[in-house]
Protein backbone atom coordinates (compact mmCIF):
# COMPACT_ATOMS: atom_id res chain seq x y z
CA MET A 1 0.00 0.00 0.00
CA ARG A 2 1.40 3.37 -1.02
CA TYR A 3 0.52 6.73 0.49
CA MET A 4 1.75 10.30 0.01
CA LEU A 5 2.10 12.35 3.19
CA GLU A 6 3.13 15.92 3.86
CA LEU A 7 5.05 16.97 6.96
CA THR A 8 5.96 20.46 8.15
CA LEU A 9 8.85 20.45 10.60
CA ASN A 10 10.89 23.50 11.69
CA GLY A 11 9.30 25.60 8.98
CA TYR A 12 10.17 23.17 6.19
CA LYS A 13 7.48 21.36 4.26
CA GLN A 14 8.41 17.90 3.06
CA VAL A 15 6.39 15.46 0.98
CA PHE A 16 7.21 11.79 1.21
CA GLU A 17 5.83 8.48 0.09
CA VAL A 18 5.06 5.77 2.63
CA ILE A 19 4.92 2.15 1.56
CA ALA A 20 3.54 -0.34 4.08
CA GLU A 21 5.17 -3.77 3.88
CA THR A 22 5.82 -6.85 5.96
CA LEU A 23 9.43 -7.97 6.35
CA LYS A 24 10.18 -11.16 8.27
CA ASN A 25 6.91 -10.91 10.23
CA TRP A 26 7.56 -7.22 11.07
CA LYS A 27 5.27 -4.45 9.88
CA VAL A 28 7.58 -1.86 8.30
CA TRP A 29 7.07 1.46 6.56
CA LYS A 30 9.44 2.36 3.76
CA VAL A 31 9.65 6.14 3.53
CA ARG A 32 10.84 7.68 0.26
CA PHE A 33 11.66 11.37 0.24
CA MET A 34 11.37 13.58 -2.84
CA ASP A 35 15.16 14.10 -2.84
CA GLY A 36 15.64 10.36 -3.41
CA GLY A 37 16.46 9.51 0.21
CA GLU A 38 14.89 6.45 1.76
CA ALA A 39 14.44 5.05 5.26
CA VAL A 40 12.75 1.99 6.70
CA LEU A 41 10.80 2.57 9.92
CA PHE A 42 9.21 0.16 12.33
CA LYS A 43 7.39 0.53 15.58
CA CYS A 44 8.26 -1.28 18.79
CA GLY A 45 5.43 -0.64 21.26
CA SER A 46 4.95 3.12 21.06
CA ILE A 47 8.52 3.92 19.96
CA TRP A 48 9.37 4.51 16.31
CA MET A 49 12.70 3.06 15.21
CA GLN A 50 14.77 2.92 12.03
CA ARG A 51 17.35 0.64 10.45
CA ASN A 52 20.94 1.18 11.60
CA GLU A 53 21.98 2.42 8.15
CA ASP A 54 19.24 5.06 8.02
CA ASP A 55 20.39 8.37 9.39
CA LEU A 56 17.24 10.26 10.36
CA ASP A 57 17.58 12.44 13.42
CA ARG A 58 15.29 11.53 16.32
CA GLU A 59 13.05 14.59 15.84
CA LEU A 60 12.37 13.77 12.17
CA LEU A 61 11.90 10.07 12.93
CA ASN A 62 9.31 10.85 15.63
CA ALA A 63 7.55 13.42 13.44
CA ILE A 64 7.20 10.95 10.56
CA GLY A 65 6.02 8.21 12.93
CA GLU A 66 3.47 10.54 14.50
CA LYS A 67 2.25 11.56 11.04
CA ILE A 68 1.81 7.88 10.10
CA ASP A 69 0.00 7.21 13.40
CA HIS A 70 -2.39 10.15 13.00
CA SER A 71 -3.06 9.82 9.28
CA ASN A 72 -6.01 7.69 8.45
CA LEU A 73 -3.90 5.20 6.50
CA GLY A 74 -5.18 2.04 8.08
CA ILE A 75 -1.61 0.80 8.41
CA ALA A 76 -0.31 2.29 11.65
CA LEU A 77 -0.12 0.21 14.80
CA SER A 78 -1.39 1.55 18.10
């Protein structure tokens, strides 16, 4: 399932694509940014996490996770 989301953080507006997938029994969200960057996020309880090789700062990671949680995508875990 693919979704386009918009996030405004620190005065910057960013549009990104979220792709919901299952990877080894984990629900993951692949996030593709318009600049070509990509990150894979997953949620452990109420904490959003990312792969080791992804380099999102904690504030951006939490903002994207919160946007996924509060968007009516039907894919976010509570």
